[in-house]
Amino acid sequence: MCLIFGQGKPNEKIIVIDPGHGGKDSGAIGINRIQEKDVVLNIAKETLRLNENLDDPFDIYLTRYNDTLISLSDRTKLTRTLQADLFISLHCNHSYNPNARGIEIYVANKPSNHSDDSTWFAFQLQDDLNKKLGFESRGVKFGNFQVLLETIGYCTSVLLELGFLSNGDESKYYEKQESIKALALVIWESLINN
């Protein structure tokens, strides 16, 4: 059963991947000086590359393709204009507690026709990241992030906090290209399998 996308060919589905931050907004900065804006853009581009290798790819769009700052309202406007089936916003976390670790996935704290699908997809994605890559699961949570509130009424919508750049192990993990590829593969497989 394809709960999120309904029935049909993958290439009939439109997916928007939103690499958070960009430009002068670096987002979180890791203890090794790695920047959130770069990590999430690399993951988004790798997911796009994996998709292009499919015989029958999804229609995937990024909200940014380089190191530019796009307003939150423009990110959500693109999603609505494209009539996307799925919106995924990628971020990394930061904490003053250097031991904080793991992945959190957020769904809008606002009821809509897409709330159940969003919550279901969030749980599936978190489970995949835990089982396939060993990331600690911090739970599926509900939040009032602007990008979620402005997309949940139109499509399945989630925001991923992909580990803590303030954690030594997780910050070092994202320095490696093979880690970026592994994470993008899990996200991409979740799109295929759901």
N, C-alpha and C. Protein backbone atom coordinates (compact mmCIF):
# COMPACT_ATOMS: atom_id res chain seq x y z
N MET A 1 0.85 -1.19 0.00
CA MET A 1 0.00 0.00 0.00
C MET A 1 0.88 1.23 0.00
N CYS A 2 0.61 2.16 -0.88
CA CYS A 2 1.40 3.37 -0.99
C CYS A 2 0.62 4.52 -0.36
N LEU A 3 0.75 4.67 0.94
CA LEU A 3 -0.07 5.59 1.70
C LEU A 3 0.16 7.04 1.32
N ILE A 4 1.38 7.40 1.04
CA ILE A 4 1.69 8.80 0.78
C ILE A 4 1.36 9.21 -0.63
N PHE A 5 1.78 8.43 -1.58
CA PHE A 5 1.72 8.86 -2.97
C PHE A 5 0.53 8.28 -3.74
N GLY A 6 -0.26 7.44 -3.11
CA GLY A 6 -1.35 6.82 -3.84
C GLY A 6 -0.80 5.81 -4.84
N GLN A 7 -1.58 5.48 -5.83
CA GLN A 7 -1.14 4.52 -6.83
C GLN A 7 -0.66 5.25 -8.07
N GLY A 8 0.19 4.63 -8.83
CA GLY A 8 0.65 5.26 -10.06
C GLY A 8 2.15 5.16 -10.19
N LYS A 9 2.65 5.70 -11.27
CA LYS A 9 4.08 5.65 -11.55
C LYS A 9 4.83 6.65 -10.69
N PRO A 10 6.06 6.31 -10.29
CA PRO A 10 6.83 7.25 -9.49
C PRO A 10 6.99 8.61 -10.15
N ASN A 11 7.20 8.64 -11.48
CA ASN A 11 7.47 9.93 -12.12
C ASN A 11 6.26 10.85 -12.15
N GLU A 12 5.10 10.36 -11.73
CA GLU A 12 3.93 11.21 -11.63
C GLU A 12 3.90 11.95 -10.30
N LYS A 13 4.81 11.63 -9.41
CA LYS A 13 4.84 12.22 -8.09
C LYS A 13 5.88 13.34 -8.03
N ILE A 14 5.49 14.44 -7.40
CA ILE A 14 6.37 15.60 -7.27
C ILE A 14 6.84 15.71 -5.83
N ILE A 15 8.15 15.76 -5.66
CA ILE A 15 8.76 15.83 -4.33
C ILE A 15 9.62 17.08 -4.26
N VAL A 16 9.46 17.85 -3.18
CA VAL A 16 10.30 19.02 -2.94
C VAL A 16 11.18 18.71 -1.74
N ILE A 17 12.49 18.79 -1.95
CA ILE A 17 13.46 18.63 -0.86
C ILE A 17 14.02 20.00 -0.54
N ASP A 18 13.92 20.38 0.71
CA ASP A 18 14.30 21.70 1.17
C ASP A 18 15.57 21.63 2.03
N PRO A 19 16.75 21.92 1.43
CA PRO A 19 17.95 22.00 2.26
C PRO A 19 17.90 23.31 3.06
N GLY A 20 17.77 23.19 4.36
CA GLY A 20 17.59 24.37 5.20
C GLY A 20 18.77 25.35 5.14
N HIS A 21 18.46 26.58 5.54
CA HIS A 21 19.47 27.65 5.66
C HIS A 21 20.07 28.00 4.30
N GLY A 22 21.32 28.41 4.26
CA GLY A 22 21.97 28.80 3.01
C GLY A 22 22.44 30.24 3.04
N GLY A 23 23.43 30.55 2.19
CA GLY A 23 23.96 31.90 2.11
C GLY A 23 24.53 32.36 3.43
N LYS A 24 24.11 33.55 3.87
CA LYS A 24 24.64 34.11 5.12
C LYS A 24 24.12 33.38 6.36
N ASP A 25 23.11 32.54 6.18
CA ASP A 25 22.55 31.76 7.29
C ASP A 25 23.16 30.36 7.27
N SER A 26 24.18 30.16 8.09
CA SER A 26 24.90 28.88 8.09
C SER A 26 24.13 27.78 8.81
N GLY A 27 23.16 28.15 9.65
CA GLY A 27 22.53 27.16 10.50
C GLY A 27 23.50 26.76 11.60
N ALA A 28 23.37 25.55 12.10
CA ALA A 28 24.26 25.07 13.16
C ALA A 28 25.68 24.92 12.62
N ILE A 29 26.64 25.17 13.50
CA ILE A 29 28.05 24.98 13.14
C ILE A 29 28.61 23.90 14.06
N GLY A 30 29.21 22.90 13.46
CA GLY A 30 29.73 21.77 14.22
C GLY A 30 30.99 22.10 14.99
N ILE A 31 31.34 21.23 15.92
CA ILE A 31 32.55 21.45 16.70
C ILE A 31 33.79 21.38 15.80
N ASN A 32 33.63 20.78 14.63
CA ASN A 32 34.72 20.72 13.65
C ASN A 32 34.55 21.80 12.57
N ARG A 33 33.69 22.79 12.84
CA ARG A 33 33.42 23.94 11.96
C ARG A 33 32.58 23.58 10.73
N ILE A 34 32.11 22.35 10.64
CA ILE A 34 31.23 21.96 9.54
C ILE A 34 29.92 22.75 9.70
N GLN A 35 29.32 23.16 8.57
CA GLN A 35 28.13 24.00 8.62
C GLN A 35 26.89 23.24 8.15
N GLU A 36 25.83 23.44 8.90
CA GLU A 36 24.55 22.77 8.59
C GLU A 36 24.12 23.02 7.15
N LYS A 37 24.23 24.27 6.69
CA LYS A 37 23.76 24.61 5.33
C LYS A 37 24.45 23.75 4.27
N ASP A 38 25.74 23.42 4.49
CA ASP A 38 26.48 22.61 3.53
C ASP A 38 26.11 21.13 3.63
N VAL A 39 25.98 20.64 4.86
CA VAL A 39 25.63 19.23 5.07
C VAL A 39 24.30 18.91 4.40
N VAL A 40 23.27 19.73 4.66
CA VAL A 40 21.94 19.40 4.14
C VAL A 40 21.86 19.60 2.63
N LEU A 41 22.61 20.56 2.09
CA LEU A 41 22.63 20.73 0.63
C LEU A 41 23.29 19.52 -0.03
N ASN A 42 24.38 19.03 0.56
CA ASN A 42 25.05 17.84 0.01
C ASN A 42 24.14 16.62 0.03
N ILE A 43 23.37 16.45 1.11
CA ILE A 43 22.44 15.32 1.20
C ILE A 43 21.34 15.46 0.15
N ALA A 44 20.80 16.67 0.00
CA ALA A 44 19.74 16.90 -0.99
C ALA A 44 20.24 16.64 -2.41
N LYS A 45 21.43 17.12 -2.73
CA LYS A 45 21.98 16.92 -4.08
C LYS A 45 22.27 15.45 -4.35
N GLU A 46 22.73 14.74 -3.34
CA GLU A 46 23.00 13.31 -3.52
C GLU A 46 21.69 12.53 -3.70
N THR A 47 20.64 12.93 -3.00
CA THR A 47 19.33 12.29 -3.18
C THR A 47 18.83 12.53 -4.60
N LEU A 48 19.01 13.75 -5.10
CA LEU A 48 18.63 14.10 -6.46
C LEU A 48 19.42 13.27 -7.47
N ARG A 49 20.71 13.09 -7.22
CA ARG A 49 21.56 12.29 -8.12
C ARG A 49 21.10 10.83 -8.16
N LEU A 50 20.78 10.27 -7.00
CA LEU A 50 20.29 8.89 -6.95
C LEU A 50 19.00 8.76 -7.75
N ASN A 51 18.13 9.73 -7.63
CA ASN A 51 16.86 9.70 -8.34
C ASN A 51 17.06 9.73 -9.85
N GLU A 52 18.03 10.51 -10.31
CA GLU A 52 18.27 10.64 -11.74
C GLU A 52 18.76 9.34 -12.37
N ASN A 53 19.26 8.41 -11.55
CA ASN A 53 19.72 7.13 -12.05
C ASN A 53 18.60 6.10 -12.19
N LEU A 54 17.39 6.46 -11.78
CA LEU A 54 16.23 5.57 -11.95
C LEU A 54 15.78 5.56 -13.41
N ASP A 55 15.22 4.44 -13.85
CA ASP A 55 14.63 4.39 -15.18
C ASP A 55 13.37 5.26 -15.25
N ASP A 56 12.65 5.30 -14.14
CA ASP A 56 11.38 6.03 -14.09
C ASP A 56 11.41 6.92 -12.84
N PRO A 57 12.20 8.01 -12.87
CA PRO A 57 12.45 8.78 -11.64
C PRO A 57 11.24 9.59 -11.17
N PHE A 58 11.31 9.95 -9.89
CA PHE A 58 10.37 10.93 -9.35
C PHE A 58 10.69 12.29 -9.96
N ASP A 59 9.75 13.19 -9.85
CA ASP A 59 9.98 14.60 -10.18
C ASP A 59 10.46 15.27 -8.90
N ILE A 60 11.76 15.41 -8.71
CA ILE A 60 12.29 16.00 -7.48
C ILE A 60 12.83 17.40 -7.78
N TYR A 61 12.45 18.32 -6.92
CA TYR A 61 12.95 19.70 -6.99
C TYR A 61 13.58 20.04 -5.65
N LEU A 62 14.65 20.82 -5.68
CA LEU A 62 15.25 21.36 -4.47
C LEU A 62 14.82 22.81 -4.32
N THR A 63 14.69 23.26 -3.09
CA THR A 63 14.37 24.68 -2.88
C THR A 63 15.59 25.56 -3.12
N ARG A 64 16.78 24.96 -3.04
CA ARG A 64 18.01 25.66 -3.44
C ARG A 64 19.01 24.63 -3.94
N TYR A 65 19.77 25.04 -4.95
CA TYR A 65 20.74 24.14 -5.58
C TYR A 65 22.17 24.57 -5.29
N ASN A 66 22.32 25.69 -4.61
CA ASN A 66 23.66 26.18 -4.26
C ASN A 66 23.57 26.95 -2.94
N ASP A 67 24.64 27.61 -2.59
CA ASP A 67 24.73 28.26 -1.28
C ASP A 67 24.07 29.64 -1.33
N THR A 68 22.75 29.64 -1.44
CA THR A 68 21.99 30.88 -1.43
C THR A 68 20.94 30.80 -0.34
N LEU A 69 20.54 31.95 0.15
CA LEU A 69 19.50 32.01 1.18
C LEU A 69 18.16 32.26 0.50
N ILE A 70 17.25 31.33 0.67
CA ILE A 70 15.90 31.44 0.13
C ILE A 70 14.96 31.65 1.31
N SER A 71 14.04 32.59 1.20
CA SER A 71 13.12 32.85 2.32
C SER A 71 12.24 31.62 2.57
N LEU A 72 11.80 31.49 3.81
CA LEU A 72 10.93 30.36 4.16
C LEU A 72 9.64 30.41 3.35
N SER A 73 9.09 31.60 3.16
CA SER A 73 7.84 31.70 2.40
C SER A 73 8.05 31.32 0.93
N ASP A 74 9.22 31.62 0.36
CA ASP A 74 9.49 31.21 -1.02
C ASP A 74 9.64 29.69 -1.13
N ARG A 75 10.18 29.06 -0.10
CA ARG A 75 10.31 27.60 -0.10
C ARG A 75 8.93 26.94 -0.12
N THR A 76 8.04 27.47 0.70
CA THR A 76 6.70 26.87 0.76
C THR A 76 5.87 27.25 -0.45
N LYS A 77 6.08 28.45 -0.98
CA LYS A 77 5.37 28.87 -2.20
C LYS A 77 5.72 27.95 -3.37
N LEU A 78 7.01 27.60 -3.48
CA LEU A 78 7.44 26.67 -4.54
C LEU A 78 6.69 25.35 -4.39
N THR A 79 6.59 24.86 -3.19
CA THR A 79 5.92 23.58 -2.92
C THR A 79 4.46 23.64 -3.36
N ARG A 80 3.80 24.72 -3.04
CA ARG A 80 2.39 24.87 -3.41
C ARG A 80 2.24 25.06 -4.93
N THR A 81 3.12 25.85 -5.52
CA THR A 81 3.05 26.11 -6.96
C THR A 81 3.25 24.84 -7.76
N LEU A 82 4.18 24.00 -7.32
CA LEU A 82 4.45 22.74 -8.01
C LEU A 82 3.37 21.68 -7.73
N GLN A 83 2.50 21.97 -6.77
CA GLN A 83 1.49 21.00 -6.31
C GLN A 83 2.17 19.70 -5.90
N ALA A 84 3.18 19.85 -5.05
CA ALA A 84 3.99 18.71 -4.60
C ALA A 84 3.15 17.69 -3.84
N ASP A 85 3.58 16.44 -3.95
CA ASP A 85 2.98 15.36 -3.17
C ASP A 85 3.67 15.20 -1.82
N LEU A 86 4.93 15.64 -1.75
CA LEU A 86 5.72 15.47 -0.54
C LEU A 86 6.72 16.61 -0.41
N PHE A 87 6.84 17.14 0.81
CA PHE A 87 7.81 18.18 1.14
C PHE A 87 8.67 17.65 2.29
N ILE A 88 10.01 17.66 2.09
CA ILE A 88 10.95 17.22 3.12
C ILE A 88 11.95 18.34 3.36
N SER A 89 11.98 18.87 4.57
CA SER A 89 12.94 19.91 4.92
C SER A 89 14.08 19.26 5.72
N LEU A 90 15.32 19.48 5.27
CA LEU A 90 16.49 18.85 5.89
C LEU A 90 17.25 19.85 6.77
N HIS A 91 17.56 19.43 7.98
CA HIS A 91 18.29 20.26 8.94
C HIS A 91 19.21 19.38 9.77
N CYS A 92 20.12 20.02 10.49
CA CYS A 92 20.93 19.35 11.52
C CYS A 92 20.69 20.09 12.82
N ASN A 93 20.84 19.40 13.91
CA ASN A 93 20.55 19.94 15.23
C ASN A 93 21.80 20.50 15.91
N HIS A 94 21.59 21.22 17.00
CA HIS A 94 22.67 21.74 17.84
C HIS A 94 22.16 21.80 19.27
N SER A 95 23.05 21.53 20.21
CA SER A 95 22.69 21.60 21.62
C SER A 95 23.91 22.05 22.42
N TYR A 96 23.64 22.71 23.54
CA TYR A 96 24.75 23.06 24.44
C TYR A 96 25.22 21.84 25.23
N ASN A 97 24.45 20.76 25.17
CA ASN A 97 24.86 19.49 25.77
C ASN A 97 25.62 18.70 24.71
N PRO A 98 26.93 18.54 24.84
CA PRO A 98 27.71 17.86 23.80
C PRO A 98 27.36 16.38 23.65
N ASN A 99 26.61 15.82 24.60
CA ASN A 99 26.21 14.41 24.52
C ASN A 99 24.89 14.20 23.79
N ALA A 100 24.18 15.30 23.49
CA ALA A 100 22.91 15.17 22.76
C ALA A 100 23.20 14.58 21.39
N ARG A 101 22.39 13.61 21.00
CA ARG A 101 22.61 12.91 19.73
C ARG A 101 21.30 12.36 19.20
N GLY A 102 21.31 11.97 17.94
CA GLY A 102 20.16 11.29 17.36
C GLY A 102 19.34 12.16 16.42
N ILE A 103 18.38 11.51 15.82
CA ILE A 103 17.54 12.12 14.80
C ILE A 103 16.14 12.39 15.34
N GLU A 104 15.63 13.56 15.01
CA GLU A 104 14.24 13.92 15.31
C GLU A 104 13.55 14.22 13.99
N ILE A 105 12.29 13.83 13.89
CA ILE A 105 11.52 14.17 12.71
C ILE A 105 10.24 14.87 13.17
N TYR A 106 10.00 16.03 12.57
CA TYR A 106 8.86 16.85 12.96
C TYR A 106 7.75 16.81 11.91
N VAL A 107 6.54 16.88 12.44
CA VAL A 107 5.33 17.02 11.64
C VAL A 107 4.62 18.27 12.17
N ALA A 108 3.89 18.97 11.31
CA ALA A 108 3.21 20.19 11.73
C ALA A 108 2.21 19.91 12.85
N ASN A 109 2.22 20.80 13.83
CA ASN A 109 1.28 20.72 14.94
C ASN A 109 -0.01 21.45 14.53
N LYS A 110 -0.58 20.98 13.43
CA LYS A 110 -1.76 21.62 12.85
C LYS A 110 -2.50 20.56 12.07
N PRO A 111 -3.76 20.30 12.40
CA PRO A 111 -4.49 19.24 11.71
C PRO A 111 -4.77 19.59 10.25
N SER A 112 -4.66 18.59 9.40
CA SER A 112 -5.01 18.76 7.99
C SER A 112 -5.30 17.37 7.41
N ASN A 113 -5.69 17.35 6.16
CA ASN A 113 -5.93 16.08 5.48
C ASN A 113 -4.65 15.28 5.29
N HIS A 114 -3.49 15.94 5.45
CA HIS A 114 -2.20 15.28 5.23
C HIS A 114 -1.48 14.93 6.54
N SER A 115 -2.10 15.21 7.67
CA SER A 115 -1.45 14.96 8.97
C SER A 115 -1.13 13.49 9.20
N ASP A 116 -2.08 12.62 8.92
CA ASP A 116 -1.86 11.18 9.16
C ASP A 116 -0.75 10.64 8.27
N ASP A 117 -0.77 11.01 6.98
CA ASP A 117 0.28 10.54 6.07
C ASP A 117 1.64 11.09 6.48
N SER A 118 1.67 12.33 6.92
CA SER A 118 2.94 12.94 7.34
C SER A 118 3.50 12.22 8.57
N THR A 119 2.64 11.94 9.52
CA THR A 119 3.07 11.25 10.74
C THR A 119 3.53 9.84 10.42
N TRP A 120 2.79 9.14 9.57
CA TRP A 120 3.16 7.79 9.19
C TRP A 120 4.51 7.78 8.49
N PHE A 121 4.71 8.70 7.54
CA PHE A 121 5.98 8.78 6.82
C PHE A 121 7.12 9.11 7.77
N ALA A 122 6.89 10.02 8.72
CA ALA A 122 7.92 10.39 9.70
C ALA A 122 8.37 9.17 10.50
N PHE A 123 7.43 8.36 10.96
CA PHE A 123 7.78 7.15 11.73
C PHE A 123 8.54 6.16 10.86
N GLN A 124 8.12 5.97 9.61
CA GLN A 124 8.81 5.04 8.72
C GLN A 124 10.24 5.50 8.44
N LEU A 125 10.39 6.79 8.18
CA LEU A 125 11.71 7.33 7.87
C LEU A 125 12.64 7.23 9.08
N GLN A 126 12.12 7.54 10.25
CA GLN A 126 12.93 7.44 11.46
C GLN A 126 13.36 6.00 11.70
N ASP A 127 12.46 5.07 11.49
CA ASP A 127 12.77 3.65 11.67
C ASP A 127 13.86 3.21 10.69
N ASP A 128 13.76 3.67 9.43
CA ASP A 128 14.77 3.34 8.43
C ASP A 128 16.14 3.90 8.81
N LEU A 129 16.19 5.13 9.28
CA LEU A 129 17.47 5.76 9.65
C LEU A 129 18.09 5.05 10.85
N ASN A 130 17.24 4.58 11.75
CA ASN A 130 17.74 3.85 12.92
C ASN A 130 18.25 2.47 12.53
N LYS A 131 17.46 1.71 11.79
CA LYS A 131 17.82 0.33 11.45
C LYS A 131 18.97 0.25 10.44
N LYS A 132 18.98 1.13 9.45
CA LYS A 132 19.97 1.03 8.37
C LYS A 132 21.28 1.75 8.68
N LEU A 133 21.21 2.83 9.48
CA LEU A 133 22.42 3.60 9.75
C LEU A 133 22.79 3.67 11.23
N GLY A 134 21.92 3.18 12.08
CA GLY A 134 22.22 3.14 13.50
C GLY A 134 22.02 4.45 14.24
N PHE A 135 21.35 5.42 13.62
CA PHE A 135 21.09 6.68 14.30
C PHE A 135 20.13 6.46 15.46
N GLU A 136 20.43 7.07 16.59
CA GLU A 136 19.53 7.03 17.73
C GLU A 136 18.26 7.79 17.37
N SER A 137 17.12 7.24 17.74
CA SER A 137 15.83 7.88 17.45
C SER A 137 15.40 8.72 18.64
N ARG A 138 15.19 10.01 18.40
CA ARG A 138 14.73 10.91 19.45
C ARG A 138 13.23 11.13 19.37
N GLY A 139 12.61 10.49 18.40
CA GLY A 139 11.16 10.53 18.32
C GLY A 139 10.62 11.36 17.18
N VAL A 140 9.37 11.08 16.85
CA VAL A 140 8.61 11.92 15.93
C VAL A 140 7.91 12.94 16.81
N LYS A 141 8.06 14.21 16.44
CA LYS A 141 7.54 15.29 17.27
C LYS A 141 6.66 16.21 16.44
N PHE A 142 5.89 17.00 17.13
CA PHE A 142 5.01 17.96 16.47
C PHE A 142 5.53 19.36 16.76
N GLY A 143 5.63 20.18 15.71
CA GLY A 143 6.19 21.51 15.88
C GLY A 143 5.49 22.54 15.02
N ASN A 144 5.81 23.79 15.30
CA ASN A 144 5.21 24.91 14.59
C ASN A 144 6.18 25.58 13.65
N PHE A 145 7.02 24.80 12.99
CA PHE A 145 7.96 25.35 12.02
C PHE A 145 7.17 25.93 10.84
N GLN A 146 7.57 27.11 10.39
CA GLN A 146 6.85 27.79 9.31
C GLN A 146 6.73 26.93 8.06
N VAL A 147 7.82 26.25 7.67
CA VAL A 147 7.76 25.46 6.44
C VAL A 147 6.77 24.31 6.54
N LEU A 148 6.56 23.79 7.74
CA LEU A 148 5.57 22.73 7.92
C LEU A 148 4.16 23.29 7.94
N LEU A 149 3.97 24.37 8.68
CA LEU A 149 2.63 24.96 8.80
C LEU A 149 2.10 25.42 7.45
N GLU A 150 3.02 25.88 6.57
CA GLU A 150 2.58 26.40 5.27
C GLU A 150 2.52 25.36 4.17
N THR A 151 2.90 24.10 4.47
CA THR A 151 2.82 23.05 3.46
C THR A 151 1.86 21.92 3.84
N ILE A 152 1.59 21.74 5.13
CA ILE A 152 0.80 20.59 5.58
C ILE A 152 -0.62 20.59 4.99
N GLY A 153 -1.13 21.75 4.65
CA GLY A 153 -2.46 21.81 4.07
C GLY A 153 -2.51 21.39 2.61
N TYR A 154 -1.31 21.19 2.01
CA TYR A 154 -1.22 20.90 0.58
C TYR A 154 -0.64 19.53 0.27
N CYS A 155 0.19 19.00 1.18
CA CYS A 155 0.87 17.73 0.88
C CYS A 155 1.43 17.11 2.16
N THR A 156 1.90 15.89 2.04
CA THR A 156 2.64 15.24 3.11
C THR A 156 3.89 16.06 3.36
N SER A 157 4.18 16.34 4.63
CA SER A 157 5.22 17.31 4.95
C SER A 157 5.94 16.93 6.24
N VAL A 158 7.29 16.84 6.17
CA VAL A 158 8.10 16.52 7.35
C VAL A 158 9.35 17.38 7.39
N LEU A 159 9.89 17.56 8.59
CA LEU A 159 11.17 18.25 8.78
C LEU A 159 12.09 17.32 9.54
N LEU A 160 13.27 17.03 8.97
CA LEU A 160 14.23 16.13 9.58
C LEU A 160 15.34 16.91 10.26
N GLU A 161 15.60 16.59 11.52
CA GLU A 161 16.79 17.09 12.23
C GLU A 161 17.75 15.91 12.26
N LEU A 162 18.76 15.97 11.38
CA LEU A 162 19.62 14.82 11.10
C LEU A 162 20.86 14.79 12.00
N GLY A 163 20.64 14.65 13.28
CA GLY A 163 21.75 14.54 14.19
C GLY A 163 22.26 15.90 14.65
N PHE A 164 23.18 15.85 15.62
CA PHE A 164 23.67 17.06 16.28
C PHE A 164 25.09 17.38 15.85
N LEU A 165 25.27 18.54 15.23
CA LEU A 165 26.62 18.96 14.85
C LEU A 165 27.44 19.36 16.07
N SER A 166 26.77 19.51 17.21
CA SER A 166 27.45 19.81 18.46
C SER A 166 27.97 18.53 19.14
N ASN A 167 27.64 17.38 18.58
CA ASN A 167 28.11 16.10 19.10
C ASN A 167 29.33 15.67 18.29
N GLY A 168 30.40 15.34 18.94
CA GLY A 168 31.65 15.00 18.26
C GLY A 168 31.50 13.90 17.22
N ASP A 169 30.85 12.81 17.58
CA ASP A 169 30.70 11.68 16.67
C ASP A 169 29.83 12.04 15.46
N GLU A 170 28.71 12.69 15.73
CA GLU A 170 27.79 13.00 14.63
C GLU A 170 28.36 14.09 13.73
N SER A 171 29.08 15.04 14.30
CA SER A 171 29.72 16.09 13.49
C SER A 171 30.78 15.48 12.57
N LYS A 172 31.57 14.58 13.09
CA LYS A 172 32.61 13.91 12.28
C LYS A 172 31.98 13.03 11.20
N TYR A 173 30.83 12.43 11.51
CA TYR A 173 30.13 11.58 10.56
C TYR A 173 29.85 12.34 9.27
N TYR A 174 29.45 13.59 9.40
CA TYR A 174 29.06 14.37 8.23
C TYR A 174 30.24 14.97 7.47
N GLU A 175 31.44 14.78 7.96
CA GLU A 175 32.63 15.20 7.22
C GLU A 175 32.92 14.25 6.06
N LYS A 176 32.39 13.04 6.15
CA LYS A 176 32.73 12.00 5.16
C LYS A 176 31.69 11.94 4.05
N GLN A 177 32.18 11.90 2.81
CA GLN A 177 31.28 11.82 1.66
C GLN A 177 30.48 10.53 1.67
N GLU A 178 31.07 9.44 2.15
CA GLU A 178 30.32 8.18 2.19
C GLU A 178 29.15 8.25 3.16
N SER A 179 29.27 9.07 4.20
CA SER A 179 28.15 9.26 5.14
C SER A 179 27.01 10.02 4.49
N ILE A 180 27.36 11.05 3.73
CA ILE A 180 26.35 11.82 2.99
C ILE A 180 25.62 10.90 2.03
N LYS A 181 26.37 10.06 1.32
CA LYS A 181 25.77 9.14 0.36
C LYS A 181 24.87 8.13 1.05
N ALA A 182 25.30 7.62 2.19
CA ALA A 182 24.51 6.62 2.91
C ALA A 182 23.20 7.22 3.39
N LEU A 183 23.26 8.42 3.92
CA LEU A 183 22.05 9.06 4.41
C LEU A 183 21.09 9.40 3.27
N ALA A 184 21.63 9.92 2.18
CA ALA A 184 20.80 10.22 1.01
C ALA A 184 20.14 8.95 0.48
N LEU A 185 20.86 7.84 0.51
CA LEU A 185 20.31 6.57 0.02
C LEU A 185 19.12 6.13 0.87
N VAL A 186 19.22 6.27 2.19
CA VAL A 186 18.11 5.88 3.06
C VAL A 186 16.90 6.77 2.79
N ILE A 187 17.12 8.07 2.63
CA ILE A 187 16.00 8.97 2.34
C ILE A 187 15.36 8.60 0.99
N TRP A 188 16.20 8.38 0.01
CA TRP A 188 15.71 8.03 -1.33
C TRP A 188 14.95 6.71 -1.32
N GLU A 189 15.50 5.71 -0.62
CA GLU A 189 14.79 4.41 -0.53
C GLU A 189 13.46 4.56 0.18
N SER A 190 13.37 5.46 1.15
CA SER A 190 12.10 5.70 1.82
C SER A 190 11.08 6.27 0.86
N LEU A 191 11.53 7.10 -0.07
CA LEU A 191 10.62 7.63 -1.10
C LEU A 191 10.12 6.51 -2.00
N ILE A 192 11.01 5.63 -2.38
CA ILE A 192 10.67 4.52 -3.27
C ILE A 192 9.70 3.55 -2.57
N ASN A 193 9.98 3.26 -1.32
CA ASN A 193 9.23 2.23 -0.60
C ASN A 193 7.91 2.72 -0.03
N ASN A 194 7.70 4.01 -0.03
CA ASN A 194 6.47 4.55 0.56
C ASN A 194 5.65 5.24 -0.49
